[in-house]
Amino acid sequence: MGRFEIDQKAFDNIFQRLKKAIPKWHEFVEISFLPDEMKEAYQVMIDKKAKQIGVFQPMPKSDSEYGIF
C-alpha cells in the first residue's frame, strides 16, 4: 500500500474528505480579511496542492464573478 501502511478503504476515505474540503477552503479564503492579491495567491496555492495530490476540483465562481452582484 505504501509507506504508511494504510488500507485502501481508509486511504480512499481520506482523499474523498480532502476533495470535499477544498471548496470550503476556497470559501474561507474569500471571506477572509486578506487583501485581494493575497486571496488570489491562496486560491492558486490551494488548487496547485490539490492537483499535486490528485484531488483537484476547479473553484466554483462566486456570484459576483457572474455579474449577479
N, C-alpha and C. Protein backbone atom coordinates (compact mmCIF):
# COMPACT_ATOMS: atom_id res chain seq x y z
N MET A 1 0.82 -1.19 0.00
CA MET A 1 0.00 0.00 0.00
C MET A 1 0.86 1.25 0.00
N GLY A 2 1.89 1.28 0.76
CA GLY A 2 2.72 2.47 0.78
C GLY A 2 3.49 2.56 2.08
N ARG A 3 4.12 3.66 2.25
CA ARG A 3 4.96 3.84 3.43
C ARG A 3 4.17 3.83 4.73
N PHE A 4 2.93 4.28 4.70
CA PHE A 4 2.18 4.43 5.94
C PHE A 4 1.32 3.21 6.26
N GLU A 5 1.27 2.27 5.37
CA GLU A 5 0.52 1.03 5.57
C GLU A 5 -0.94 1.29 5.95
N ILE A 6 -1.57 2.18 5.23
CA ILE A 6 -2.99 2.48 5.41
C ILE A 6 -3.75 1.60 4.43
N ASP A 7 -4.81 0.93 4.90
CA ASP A 7 -5.56 0.09 3.96
C ASP A 7 -6.25 0.96 2.92
N GLN A 8 -6.58 0.36 1.79
CA GLN A 8 -7.11 1.11 0.65
C GLN A 8 -8.39 1.85 0.97
N LYS A 9 -9.27 1.24 1.75
CA LYS A 9 -10.54 1.88 2.10
C LYS A 9 -10.29 3.17 2.90
N ALA A 10 -9.40 3.11 3.87
CA ALA A 10 -9.08 4.30 4.66
C ALA A 10 -8.41 5.36 3.79
N PHE A 11 -7.52 4.94 2.93
CA PHE A 11 -6.83 5.84 2.01
C PHE A 11 -7.84 6.57 1.13
N ASP A 12 -8.76 5.82 0.53
CA ASP A 12 -9.79 6.41 -0.33
C ASP A 12 -10.68 7.38 0.45
N ASN A 13 -11.00 7.02 1.68
CA ASN A 13 -11.83 7.88 2.53
C ASN A 13 -11.14 9.21 2.83
N ILE A 14 -9.87 9.14 3.12
CA ILE A 14 -9.10 10.36 3.39
C ILE A 14 -9.12 11.28 2.18
N PHE A 15 -8.89 10.72 1.01
CA PHE A 15 -8.86 11.54 -0.20
C PHE A 15 -10.24 12.09 -0.54
N GLN A 16 -11.29 11.33 -0.30
CA GLN A 16 -12.65 11.84 -0.51
C GLN A 16 -12.93 13.02 0.41
N ARG A 17 -12.50 12.92 1.65
CA ARG A 17 -12.72 14.01 2.61
C ARG A 17 -11.93 15.25 2.20
N LEU A 18 -10.70 15.06 1.73
CA LEU A 18 -9.90 16.19 1.24
C LEU A 18 -10.58 16.84 0.04
N LYS A 19 -11.07 16.02 -0.87
CA LYS A 19 -11.73 16.53 -2.07
C LYS A 19 -12.95 17.37 -1.71
N LYS A 20 -13.72 16.92 -0.73
CA LYS A 20 -14.90 17.66 -0.29
C LYS A 20 -14.54 18.95 0.44
N ALA A 21 -13.37 18.99 1.07
CA ALA A 21 -12.97 20.16 1.86
C ALA A 21 -12.46 21.32 1.01
N ILE A 22 -11.98 21.04 -0.18
CA ILE A 22 -11.36 22.09 -0.99
C ILE A 22 -12.30 23.26 -1.25
N PRO A 23 -13.55 23.05 -1.67
CA PRO A 23 -14.43 24.21 -1.87
C PRO A 23 -14.60 25.05 -0.59
N LYS A 24 -14.62 24.40 0.56
CA LYS A 24 -14.74 25.13 1.82
C LYS A 24 -13.50 25.98 2.07
N TRP A 25 -12.33 25.44 1.75
CA TRP A 25 -11.10 26.21 1.90
C TRP A 25 -11.16 27.48 1.04
N HIS A 26 -11.66 27.31 -0.19
CA HIS A 26 -11.81 28.48 -1.07
C HIS A 26 -12.77 29.50 -0.46
N GLU A 27 -13.85 29.03 0.11
CA GLU A 27 -14.81 29.94 0.76
C GLU A 27 -14.17 30.70 1.91
N PHE A 28 -13.40 29.99 2.74
CA PHE A 28 -12.73 30.64 3.87
C PHE A 28 -11.78 31.74 3.40
N VAL A 29 -11.06 31.47 2.34
CA VAL A 29 -10.14 32.48 1.80
C VAL A 29 -10.94 33.68 1.32
N GLU A 30 -12.03 33.45 0.62
CA GLU A 30 -12.83 34.55 0.08
C GLU A 30 -13.42 35.44 1.16
N ILE A 31 -13.80 34.88 2.31
CA ILE A 31 -14.41 35.70 3.36
C ILE A 31 -13.37 36.26 4.34
N SER A 32 -12.12 35.95 4.09
CA SER A 32 -11.07 36.42 4.99
C SER A 32 -10.83 37.92 4.82
N PHE A 33 -10.02 38.46 5.71
CA PHE A 33 -9.66 39.87 5.66
C PHE A 33 -8.38 40.11 4.88
N LEU A 34 -7.94 39.11 4.15
CA LEU A 34 -6.73 39.25 3.35
C LEU A 34 -6.95 40.23 2.20
N PRO A 35 -5.89 40.92 1.78
CA PRO A 35 -6.01 41.75 0.57
C PRO A 35 -6.32 40.85 -0.63
N ASP A 36 -6.95 41.41 -1.64
CA ASP A 36 -7.37 40.62 -2.80
C ASP A 36 -6.22 39.87 -3.45
N GLU A 37 -5.04 40.50 -3.52
CA GLU A 37 -3.92 39.79 -4.16
C GLU A 37 -3.47 38.57 -3.35
N MET A 38 -3.59 38.66 -2.03
CA MET A 38 -3.24 37.50 -1.20
C MET A 38 -4.32 36.41 -1.31
N LYS A 39 -5.57 36.84 -1.41
CA LYS A 39 -6.64 35.86 -1.61
C LYS A 39 -6.39 35.06 -2.88
N GLU A 40 -6.06 35.76 -3.95
CA GLU A 40 -5.79 35.09 -5.22
C GLU A 40 -4.61 34.12 -5.08
N ALA A 41 -3.57 34.55 -4.37
CA ALA A 41 -2.40 33.69 -4.18
C ALA A 41 -2.77 32.43 -3.41
N TYR A 42 -3.59 32.56 -2.39
CA TYR A 42 -4.03 31.39 -1.63
C TYR A 42 -4.91 30.47 -2.47
N GLN A 43 -5.79 31.05 -3.28
CA GLN A 43 -6.65 30.24 -4.13
C GLN A 43 -5.81 29.41 -5.11
N VAL A 44 -4.81 30.05 -5.68
CA VAL A 44 -3.92 29.35 -6.61
C VAL A 44 -3.16 28.25 -5.89
N MET A 45 -2.67 28.54 -4.68
CA MET A 45 -1.92 27.55 -3.92
C MET A 45 -2.80 26.35 -3.56
N ILE A 46 -4.03 26.60 -3.15
CA ILE A 46 -4.96 25.50 -2.83
C ILE A 46 -5.13 24.60 -4.04
N ASP A 47 -5.38 25.20 -5.20
CA ASP A 47 -5.58 24.40 -6.41
C ASP A 47 -4.31 23.66 -6.81
N LYS A 48 -3.16 24.30 -6.68
CA LYS A 48 -1.89 23.67 -7.04
C LYS A 48 -1.63 22.45 -6.15
N LYS A 49 -1.82 22.59 -4.86
CA LYS A 49 -1.59 21.47 -3.94
C LYS A 49 -2.60 20.36 -4.16
N ALA A 50 -3.86 20.73 -4.46
CA ALA A 50 -4.88 19.73 -4.72
C ALA A 50 -4.53 18.93 -5.98
N LYS A 51 -4.00 19.60 -6.99
CA LYS A 51 -3.56 18.90 -8.20
C LYS A 51 -2.42 17.95 -7.89
N GLN A 52 -1.50 18.39 -7.04
CA GLN A 52 -0.35 17.56 -6.70
C GLN A 52 -0.75 16.24 -6.04
N ILE A 53 -1.80 16.27 -5.24
CA ILE A 53 -2.21 15.04 -4.56
C ILE A 53 -3.39 14.35 -5.26
N GLY A 54 -3.82 14.91 -6.39
CA GLY A 54 -4.84 14.25 -7.20
C GLY A 54 -6.26 14.44 -6.75
N VAL A 55 -6.57 15.53 -6.07
CA VAL A 55 -7.94 15.78 -5.63
C VAL A 55 -8.46 17.15 -6.11
N PHE A 56 -7.89 17.64 -7.20
CA PHE A 56 -8.25 18.96 -7.70
C PHE A 56 -9.70 19.03 -8.14
N GLN A 57 -10.37 20.10 -7.72
CA GLN A 57 -11.70 20.45 -8.20
C GLN A 57 -11.64 21.94 -8.52
N PRO A 58 -12.03 22.33 -9.72
CA PRO A 58 -12.00 23.76 -10.04
C PRO A 58 -12.85 24.55 -9.05
N MET A 59 -12.34 25.72 -8.67
CA MET A 59 -13.06 26.57 -7.73
C MET A 59 -14.32 27.10 -8.39
N PRO A 60 -15.46 26.95 -7.73
CA PRO A 60 -16.70 27.49 -8.32
C PRO A 60 -16.65 29.01 -8.34
N LYS A 61 -17.21 29.59 -9.38
CA LYS A 61 -17.23 31.04 -9.48
C LYS A 61 -18.22 31.61 -8.47
N SER A 62 -17.86 32.75 -7.91
CA SER A 62 -18.78 33.41 -6.98
C SER A 62 -19.85 34.15 -7.77
N ASP A 63 -20.91 34.53 -7.08
CA ASP A 63 -21.99 35.28 -7.74
C ASP A 63 -21.49 36.56 -8.36
N SER A 64 -20.53 37.22 -7.69
CA SER A 64 -20.03 38.49 -8.22
C SER A 64 -19.27 38.28 -9.53
N GLU A 65 -18.64 37.13 -9.71
CA GLU A 65 -17.94 36.85 -10.95
C GLU A 65 -18.91 36.59 -12.09
N TYR A 66 -20.13 36.21 -11.77
CA TYR A 66 -21.14 36.01 -12.78
C TYR A 66 -21.91 37.30 -13.08
N GLY A 67 -21.58 38.36 -12.37
CA GLY A 67 -22.24 39.63 -12.58
C GLY A 67 -23.59 39.76 -11.88
N ILE A 68 -23.84 38.89 -10.91
CA ILE A 68 -25.11 38.94 -10.19
C ILE A 68 -25.11 40.05 -9.17
N PHE A 69 -23.97 40.33 -8.54
CA PHE A 69 -23.89 41.37 -7.52
C PHE A 69 -23.00 42.48 -7.99
